[in-house]
Amino acid sequence: MRSAHPLSRSGDALLGTRALRYASRMQRNSIAAQLVLRGAPLLLMQACASSAHEEPLPRGTPPMPAVNTTLPSASAAETAAAVASASASAAAEPPPRACPNGMVLVDGNYCDNLEVNCLEKVYVPSNHLWVCHKVSEPTKCVGKEAPKRYCVDEYEFPNRKGERPMVMQNFYQAQVHCAKVGKRVCTETEWTMACEGPSRKPFPYGSGYERDPSKCNGDQPYKNPDKQKMIDGDKVELERLWQGKVSGSQPDCRSEWGVFDMNGNADELAASETHNPNAPKKRRVDSTHFELPANFDNVTTGGPWVVGVRNQCRPKIYTHDESFAYYYLSWRCCAEPDGKPTDPRAPKQIERGWSFEKVRQIANNSWKLPLNDKWPGDEGYTSSGPR
């Protein structure tokens, strides 16, 4: 049987520190290297540090005996086992997340012109539009494709499961809320892509080709709002009008990417990327609508819970300006992936060279619509905001 080496196991640290104290520099390096390989404790490192300068032997001290600096090498089996253990530990560690908790990574190609053939539709006179109930499979991209990679909130703002979506805030105010958590309001193409999924389906649930308001809280009877009370933030009126569901209560209302409540429930604001050079921004068609498509910074998308709306992924409404807020209108936040910084401004604001401070000033000074400093789930929150 091979006898134990003088610097083996239990005596490694103590003897090693003594040897290092009086050994020559070359001897110290050799001893230290071998002790580290053998797993000597922290005491060894301290000894290395304290022996950075060679010290003379105390007067009268007999010479230090020669130190054998050769330690038995690890066997090939031991080395292989150590390497395998390190590899297993590395494999067990999950890769870094591309998106923060509560957000979903969307990574694919967006199609700017999708062919969608409606098989069954109903005309809604009150809204002057057709509502499609069934679409032929599959859809077909007949336009250009562009790669997109971004993070999107699982739920409508404030992205809190078990809470209502936040409403009664305009687009500028929605931007400020998203910026508070390092995000921005999703663009219209980001919103559409998150809703359609990689298969580009018109509806974010079931087969993706048939409209089903039972999946995503749609077709609720319309309640005529008292507009003056709504503008004044009357709490009783806003509660009477509410027919939404809390976030996370509709497990079947989920897109292929894993994003919830995109059709039905609350309608949503998104940042516009659509330009119409022939449409003056403020030319009114009537008392509430502008020429289509108007060049506002925002669109609305997804459709609310009321009857007579499309509740489909791709259609957008371009007729509401940035001051528009409503009892069923919410929004959703997006962010850059992989820890990259997120610019909270909308695409058209970036093009105009706006600072976000300008957005913030408008949000804080919106006529009869205060910036709500509380979110659903916060103590004292009401959709009417501070009055």
Protein backbone atom coordinates (compact mmCIF):
# COMPACT_ATOMS: atom_id res chain seq x y z
CA MET A 1 0.00 0.00 0.00
CA ARG A 2 1.30 3.46 -0.89
CA SER A 3 2.06 5.52 2.23
CA ALA A 4 0.41 8.90 2.69
CA HIS A 5 2.34 11.85 1.36
CA PRO A 6 3.56 14.37 3.97
CA LEU A 7 1.19 17.00 2.46
CA SER A 8 -1.82 14.74 2.10
CA ARG A 9 -5.47 15.52 3.02
CA SER A 10 -5.77 16.62 6.69
CA GLY A 11 -2.26 18.10 6.95
CA ASP A 12 -2.30 19.91 3.61
CA ALA A 13 -3.21 23.37 4.84
CA LEU A 14 -1.08 23.55 8.00
CA LEU A 15 2.09 22.05 6.62
CA GLY A 16 1.58 23.88 3.36
CA THR A 17 1.52 27.27 5.06
CA ARG A 18 4.71 26.50 7.01
CA ALA A 19 6.45 25.26 3.90
CA LEU A 20 5.39 28.33 1.97
CA ARG A 21 6.68 30.65 4.71
CA TYR A 22 10.27 29.42 4.55
CA ALA A 23 10.56 27.87 1.12
CA SER A 24 12.17 29.62 -1.80
CA ARG A 25 9.99 31.36 -4.39
CA MET A 26 10.27 28.44 -6.82
CA GLN A 27 9.34 26.00 -4.08
CA ARG A 28 6.36 28.14 -3.00
CA ASN A 29 4.95 28.19 -6.53
CA SER A 30 5.22 24.44 -6.88
CA ILE A 31 3.71 23.71 -3.45
CA ALA A 32 0.88 26.19 -3.90
CA ALA A 33 -0.07 24.85 -7.31
CA GLN A 34 -0.26 21.29 -6.09
CA LEU A 35 -2.19 22.20 -2.93
CA VAL A 36 -4.78 24.10 -4.90
CA LEU A 37 -5.29 21.08 -7.09
CA ARG A 38 -5.77 18.98 -3.97
CA GLY A 39 -8.46 21.30 -2.60
CA ALA A 40 -6.53 22.86 0.35
CA PRO A 41 -8.67 25.38 2.24
CA LEU A 42 -8.61 29.18 2.19
CA LEU A 43 -5.81 29.25 4.76
CA LEU A 44 -3.41 28.32 1.97
CA MET A 45 -4.40 31.39 -0.07
CA GLN A 46 -3.79 33.61 2.96
CA ALA A 47 -0.38 32.06 3.41
CA CYS A 48 0.41 32.74 -0.24
CA ALA A 49 -0.51 36.37 0.22
CA SER A 50 1.48 36.82 3.45
CA SER A 51 4.56 35.24 1.87
CA ALA A 52 4.70 37.58 -1.10
CA HIS A 53 8.11 38.77 0.24
CA GLU A 54 10.61 36.21 1.46
CA GLU A 55 11.37 36.56 5.20
CA PRO A 56 14.69 35.72 6.82
CA LEU A 57 14.74 32.92 9.35
CA PRO A 58 14.52 34.10 12.98
CA ARG A 59 17.94 34.31 14.70
CA GLY A 60 18.93 30.97 16.16
CA THR A 61 16.42 28.97 14.16
CA PRO A 62 17.84 25.81 12.63
CA PRO A 63 17.73 25.62 8.84
CA MET A 64 14.46 24.49 7.28
CA PRO A 65 14.76 20.96 5.98
CA ALA A 66 14.38 20.45 2.30
CA VAL A 67 10.75 20.17 1.26
CA ASN A 68 9.61 17.58 -1.20
CA THR A 69 7.42 19.60 -3.60
CA THR A 70 6.30 16.65 -5.66
CA LEU A 71 2.76 15.43 -4.95
CA PRO A 72 1.26 12.33 -6.43
CA SER A 73 -0.74 13.23 -9.51
CA ALA A 74 -4.45 12.50 -9.78
CA SER A 75 -5.33 9.36 -11.68
CA ALA A 76 -6.90 9.56 -15.13
CA ALA A 77 -10.15 8.24 -13.68
CA GLU A 78 -10.22 11.00 -11.04
CA THR A 79 -9.55 13.65 -13.65
CA ALA A 80 -12.29 12.34 -15.94
CA ALA A 81 -14.75 12.22 -13.06
CA ALA A 82 -13.97 15.85 -12.13
CA VAL A 83 -14.44 17.02 -15.71
CA ALA A 84 -17.72 15.10 -16.01
CA SER A 85 -18.97 16.60 -12.74
CA ALA A 86 -18.14 20.15 -13.89
CA SER A 87 -19.83 19.56 -17.24
CA ALA A 88 -22.97 18.22 -15.57
CA SER A 89 -23.15 21.26 -13.27
CA ALA A 90 -22.85 23.61 -16.25
CA ALA A 91 -25.54 21.73 -18.17
CA ALA A 92 -27.90 21.87 -15.19
CA GLU A 93 -27.82 25.69 -15.14
CA PRO A 94 -30.66 27.16 -17.25
CA PRO A 95 -29.67 29.55 -20.04
CA PRO A 96 -30.25 33.25 -19.35
CA ARG A 97 -33.81 34.44 -20.12
CA ALA A 98 -34.28 36.70 -23.13
CA CYS A 99 -37.23 38.43 -21.41
CA PRO A 100 -38.02 39.40 -17.80
CA ASN A 101 -40.57 37.45 -15.78
CA GLY A 102 -44.11 38.14 -16.95
CA MET A 103 -43.04 38.74 -20.54
CA VAL A 104 -42.99 36.42 -23.56
CA LEU A 105 -40.32 36.30 -26.27
CA VAL A 106 -41.66 36.72 -29.81
CA ASP A 107 -39.06 35.81 -32.41
CA GLY A 108 -39.98 35.34 -36.07
CA ASN A 109 -40.98 37.11 -39.28
CA TYR A 110 -43.77 39.64 -39.61
CA CYS A 111 -45.77 39.70 -42.86
CA ASP A 112 -46.88 43.18 -43.94
CA ASN A 113 -49.64 41.88 -46.24
CA LEU A 114 -51.51 38.78 -45.16
CA GLU A 115 -54.16 37.21 -47.37
CA VAL A 116 -57.17 36.34 -45.20
CA ASN A 117 -60.22 34.87 -46.95
CA CYS A 118 -63.42 35.17 -44.94
CA LEU A 119 -65.92 32.32 -45.43
CA GLU A 120 -68.69 33.50 -43.09
CA LYS A 121 -69.37 37.12 -42.15
CA VAL A 122 -72.12 39.35 -40.75
CA TYR A 123 -72.67 43.05 -41.43
CA VAL A 124 -73.07 45.29 -38.37
CA PRO A 125 -74.93 48.49 -39.35
CA SER A 126 -74.19 50.31 -36.09
CA ASN A 127 -70.45 50.10 -36.73
CA HIS A 128 -70.58 50.09 -40.55
CA LEU A 129 -68.38 47.02 -40.83
CA TRP A 130 -68.36 43.30 -41.54
CA VAL A 131 -67.58 40.86 -38.72
CA CYS A 132 -65.92 37.68 -39.99
CA HIS A 133 -66.82 34.47 -38.15
CA LYS A 134 -64.85 31.90 -40.14
CA VAL A 135 -61.67 32.14 -42.23
CA SER A 136 -60.27 29.67 -44.78
CA GLU A 137 -57.14 27.76 -43.75
CA PRO A 138 -54.34 28.68 -43.95
CA THR A 139 -53.63 32.38 -44.39
CA LYS A 140 -50.98 33.34 -46.94
CA CYS A 141 -48.28 36.00 -46.85
CA VAL A 142 -48.45 37.94 -50.11
CA GLY A 143 -46.25 40.82 -48.99
CA LYS A 144 -42.82 41.35 -47.51
CA GLU A 145 -41.51 39.60 -44.44
CA ALA A 146 -39.33 41.27 -41.82
CA PRO A 147 -37.62 39.61 -38.82
CA LYS A 148 -38.73 40.74 -35.38
CA ARG A 149 -37.48 39.77 -31.93
CA TYR A 150 -38.95 41.44 -28.84
CA CYS A 151 -40.58 40.86 -25.45
CA VAL A 152 -44.31 41.38 -24.83
CA ASP A 153 -46.32 41.36 -21.60
CA GLU A 154 -48.42 38.25 -20.99
CA TYR A 155 -51.40 40.38 -19.95
CA GLU A 156 -52.83 43.82 -20.48
CA PHE A 157 -51.36 46.58 -18.33
CA PRO A 158 -50.37 46.44 -15.51
CA ASN A 159 -49.66 42.80 -16.41
CA ARG A 160 -50.89 41.51 -13.06
CA LYS A 161 -52.67 38.17 -13.01
CA GLY A 162 -55.92 38.38 -11.08
CA GLU A 163 -56.34 42.14 -11.60
CA ARG A 164 -58.39 44.17 -14.06
CA PRO A 165 -56.73 45.76 -17.08
CA MET A 166 -56.12 49.48 -16.52
CA VAL A 167 -58.46 51.78 -18.46
CA MET A 168 -59.34 55.49 -18.79
CA GLN A 169 -55.83 56.62 -19.76
CA ASN A 170 -54.81 58.09 -23.12
CA PHE A 171 -51.89 57.07 -25.31
CA TYR A 172 -49.35 59.49 -23.82
CA GLN A 173 -50.31 58.35 -20.33
CA ALA A 174 -50.01 54.70 -21.37
CA GLN A 175 -46.48 55.48 -22.55
CA VAL A 176 -45.56 56.97 -19.19
CA HIS A 177 -46.91 53.92 -17.36
CA CYS A 178 -44.88 51.51 -19.51
CA ALA A 179 -41.77 53.67 -19.14
CA LYS A 180 -42.01 53.38 -15.33
CA VAL A 181 -41.16 49.69 -15.66
CA GLY A 182 -38.53 50.13 -18.39
CA LYS A 183 -40.87 49.25 -21.26
CA ARG A 184 -42.83 50.92 -24.08
CA VAL A 185 -46.29 50.59 -25.58
CA CYS A 186 -46.17 47.82 -28.21
CA THR A 187 -46.17 48.89 -31.85
CA GLU A 188 -49.05 47.85 -34.08
CA THR A 189 -46.96 45.24 -35.92
CA GLU A 190 -45.58 43.82 -32.67
CA TRP A 191 -49.10 43.55 -31.31
CA THR A 192 -50.36 41.82 -34.48
CA MET A 193 -47.47 39.35 -34.57
CA ALA A 194 -47.92 38.43 -30.91
CA CYS A 195 -51.63 37.83 -31.55
CA GLU A 196 -51.34 35.84 -34.80
CA GLY A 197 -48.55 33.55 -33.59
CA PRO A 198 -45.93 31.99 -35.89
CA SER A 199 -48.74 30.37 -37.94
CA ARG A 200 -50.32 33.80 -38.61
CA LYS A 201 -53.81 32.83 -37.53
CA PRO A 202 -56.57 35.47 -37.48
CA PHE A 203 -57.80 34.52 -33.99
CA PRO A 204 -55.51 33.77 -31.00
CA TYR A 205 -57.33 30.68 -29.70
CA GLY A 206 -58.73 27.31 -30.74
CA SER A 207 -58.02 26.46 -34.37
CA GLY A 208 -57.25 30.11 -35.00
CA TYR A 209 -59.71 30.30 -37.92
CA GLU A 210 -63.10 30.62 -36.21
CA ARG A 211 -64.32 33.51 -34.10
CA ASP A 212 -65.45 32.41 -30.63
CA PRO A 213 -66.45 35.21 -28.21
CA SER A 214 -66.79 32.68 -25.37
CA LYS A 215 -63.02 32.17 -25.41
CA CYS A 216 -62.06 35.85 -25.17
CA ASN A 217 -65.00 37.67 -23.54
CA GLY A 218 -66.76 39.20 -26.53
CA ASP A 219 -70.24 40.11 -27.80
CA GLN A 220 -71.43 41.60 -24.50
CA PRO A 221 -74.51 43.85 -24.85
CA TYR A 222 -73.60 47.48 -25.43
CA LYS A 223 -74.29 49.87 -22.57
CA ASN A 224 -74.77 53.47 -23.61
CA PRO A 225 -72.34 55.53 -21.52
CA ASP A 226 -73.18 58.87 -20.00
CA LYS A 227 -70.33 60.70 -21.69
CA GLN A 228 -70.28 63.63 -19.31
CA LYS A 229 -70.14 61.37 -16.27
CA MET A 230 -67.44 59.30 -17.93
CA ILE A 231 -65.34 62.41 -18.70
CA ASP A 232 -65.81 63.57 -15.13
CA GLY A 233 -64.59 60.22 -13.86
CA ASP A 234 -67.81 59.26 -12.12
CA LYS A 235 -66.95 56.05 -10.26
CA VAL A 236 -70.51 54.71 -10.24
CA GLU A 237 -70.88 55.22 -14.00
CA LEU A 238 -67.52 53.62 -14.81
CA GLU A 239 -68.36 50.61 -12.66
CA ARG A 240 -71.77 50.28 -14.36
CA LEU A 241 -70.08 50.17 -17.75
CA TRP A 242 -67.45 47.59 -16.77
CA GLN A 243 -68.00 44.13 -18.32
CA GLY A 244 -64.40 42.98 -18.49
CA LYS A 245 -62.61 40.05 -16.86
CA VAL A 246 -59.50 40.02 -14.73
CA SER A 247 -56.20 39.06 -16.33
CA GLY A 248 -55.47 35.35 -16.29
CA SER A 249 -59.09 34.26 -15.92
CA GLN A 250 -59.37 33.16 -19.59
CA PRO A 251 -56.87 30.31 -20.08
CA ASP A 252 -58.18 29.54 -23.59
CA CYS A 253 -57.71 33.13 -24.74
CA ARG A 254 -54.02 32.59 -25.47
CA SER A 255 -52.01 33.03 -28.68
CA GLU A 256 -49.46 30.51 -29.97
CA TRP A 257 -46.72 32.66 -28.45
CA GLY A 258 -48.36 32.44 -25.02
CA VAL A 259 -49.84 35.95 -24.84
CA PHE A 260 -53.27 36.29 -23.18
CA ASP A 261 -56.45 38.33 -23.74
CA MET A 262 -55.52 39.91 -27.07
CA ASN A 263 -59.00 39.80 -28.60
CA GLY A 264 -62.13 40.76 -26.71
CA ASN A 265 -62.09 41.88 -23.09
CA ALA A 266 -60.42 45.33 -23.14
CA ASP A 267 -59.59 47.01 -26.43
CA GLU A 268 -55.91 48.01 -26.64
CA LEU A 269 -53.79 50.97 -27.69
CA ALA A 270 -50.69 50.35 -29.79
CA ALA A 271 -48.07 52.66 -31.30
CA SER A 272 -48.78 53.45 -34.95
CA GLU A 273 -46.28 52.70 -37.71
CA THR A 274 -48.68 53.59 -40.54
CA HIS A 275 -48.16 56.78 -42.55
CA ASN A 276 -50.67 58.44 -44.85
CA PRO A 277 -49.03 61.52 -46.39
CA ASN A 278 -52.32 62.62 -47.94
CA ALA A 279 -54.26 62.78 -44.67
CA PRO A 280 -53.98 66.03 -42.68
CA LYS A 281 -53.72 65.05 -39.04
CA LYS A 282 -56.65 67.11 -37.76
CA ARG A 283 -59.25 67.03 -40.55
CA ARG A 284 -62.46 65.72 -39.00
CA VAL A 285 -64.90 63.51 -40.86
CA ASP A 286 -67.53 64.07 -38.15
CA SER A 287 -67.56 64.97 -34.49
CA THR A 288 -65.66 61.86 -33.38
CA HIS A 289 -63.78 60.45 -36.39
CA PHE A 290 -60.89 61.54 -38.58
CA GLU A 291 -59.96 60.76 -42.16
CA LEU A 292 -58.63 57.22 -42.66
CA PRO A 293 -55.91 56.46 -41.89
CA ALA A 294 -55.02 59.50 -39.83
CA ASN A 295 -51.39 60.10 -38.92
CA PHE A 296 -51.71 59.78 -35.17
CA ASP A 297 -49.09 58.24 -32.92
CA ASN A 298 -51.45 55.46 -31.89
CA VAL A 299 -54.00 52.95 -33.14
CA THR A 300 -56.53 50.78 -31.31
CA THR A 301 -56.55 47.03 -31.87
CA GLY A 302 -58.03 43.72 -30.71
CA GLY A 303 -61.55 44.95 -30.14
CA PRO A 304 -63.39 45.29 -26.79
CA TRP A 305 -65.95 43.08 -25.09
CA VAL A 306 -69.01 44.67 -26.72
CA VAL A 307 -71.08 43.14 -29.52
CA GLY A 308 -70.57 44.21 -33.13
CA VAL A 309 -66.77 44.39 -33.31
CA ARG A 310 -64.32 42.21 -35.22
CA ASN A 311 -62.18 40.87 -32.33
CA GLN A 312 -59.52 39.76 -34.79
CA CYS A 313 -55.72 40.11 -34.74
CA ARG A 314 -54.95 42.21 -37.82
CA PRO A 315 -57.66 44.92 -38.11
CA LYS A 316 -56.75 48.32 -36.64
CA ILE A 317 -58.66 51.54 -35.94
CA TYR A 318 -56.76 54.68 -36.98
CA THR A 319 -59.45 57.27 -36.21
CA HIS A 320 -58.80 58.04 -32.52
CA ASP A 321 -56.18 60.62 -31.66
CA GLU A 322 -53.68 60.47 -28.79
CA SER A 323 -56.06 62.09 -26.29
CA PHE A 324 -58.66 59.32 -26.64
CA ALA A 325 -59.42 57.33 -23.48
CA TYR A 326 -62.38 55.06 -22.81
CA TYR A 327 -63.92 52.77 -20.21
CA TYR A 328 -62.94 49.63 -22.18
CA LEU A 329 -59.59 50.80 -23.60
CA SER A 330 -56.32 49.46 -22.16
CA TRP A 331 -52.85 48.75 -23.61
CA ARG A 332 -49.92 46.34 -23.41
CA CYS A 333 -46.18 46.92 -22.93
CA CYS A 334 -43.26 45.58 -24.96
CA ALA A 335 -39.49 45.74 -24.48
CA GLU A 336 -36.22 44.92 -26.20
CA PRO A 337 -34.94 41.39 -25.50
CA ASP A 338 -31.67 40.14 -24.04
CA GLY A 339 -31.27 43.01 -21.59
CA LYS A 340 -31.01 45.70 -24.25
CA PRO A 341 -32.24 49.21 -23.31
CA THR A 342 -35.79 50.11 -24.41
CA ASP A 343 -36.68 53.51 -25.87
CA PRO A 344 -40.12 54.43 -24.43
CA ARG A 345 -41.03 56.69 -27.36
CA ALA A 346 -43.37 55.69 -30.20
CA PRO A 347 -41.91 55.27 -33.72
CA LYS A 348 -43.40 58.52 -35.04
CA GLN A 349 -42.18 60.43 -31.99
CA ILE A 350 -38.66 59.16 -32.66
CA GLU A 351 -38.99 60.29 -36.29
CA ARG A 352 -40.05 63.78 -35.16
CA GLY A 353 -37.17 63.98 -32.70
CA TRP A 354 -39.40 64.24 -29.63
CA SER A 355 -37.87 63.79 -26.20
CA PHE A 356 -39.71 61.56 -23.77
CA GLU A 357 -39.91 64.52 -21.42
CA LYS A 358 -42.30 66.12 -23.91
CA VAL A 359 -44.48 63.00 -23.81
CA ARG A 360 -44.41 63.10 -20.03
CA GLN A 361 -45.47 66.76 -19.93
CA ILE A 362 -48.47 66.10 -22.17
CA ALA A 363 -49.43 63.04 -20.11
CA ASN A 364 -49.38 65.13 -16.93
CA ASN A 365 -51.50 67.90 -18.43
CA SER A 366 -54.27 66.07 -20.31
CA TRP A 367 -57.57 67.93 -20.21
CA LYS A 368 -60.01 66.43 -17.67
CA LEU A 369 -58.02 63.19 -17.65
CA PRO A 370 -55.45 63.06 -14.85
CA LEU A 371 -52.49 60.72 -15.01
CA ASN A 372 -53.48 57.94 -12.63
CA ASP A 373 -50.68 57.36 -10.13
CA LYS A 374 -52.11 54.01 -9.02
CA TRP A 375 -52.50 50.74 -10.93
CA PRO A 376 -55.02 47.92 -10.60
CA GLY A 377 -53.97 45.96 -7.54
CA ASP A 378 -52.60 49.02 -5.74
CA GLU A 379 -54.44 50.09 -2.61
CA GLY A 380 -56.92 52.86 -3.44
CA TYR A 381 -56.91 52.33 -7.22
CA THR A 382 -60.00 53.38 -9.18
CA SER A 383 -60.28 53.70 -12.95
CA SER A 384 -61.43 57.31 -12.50
CA GLY A 385 -58.03 58.24 -11.13
CA PRO A 386 -57.30 61.14 -8.77
CA ARG A 387 -59.98 63.84 -8.85
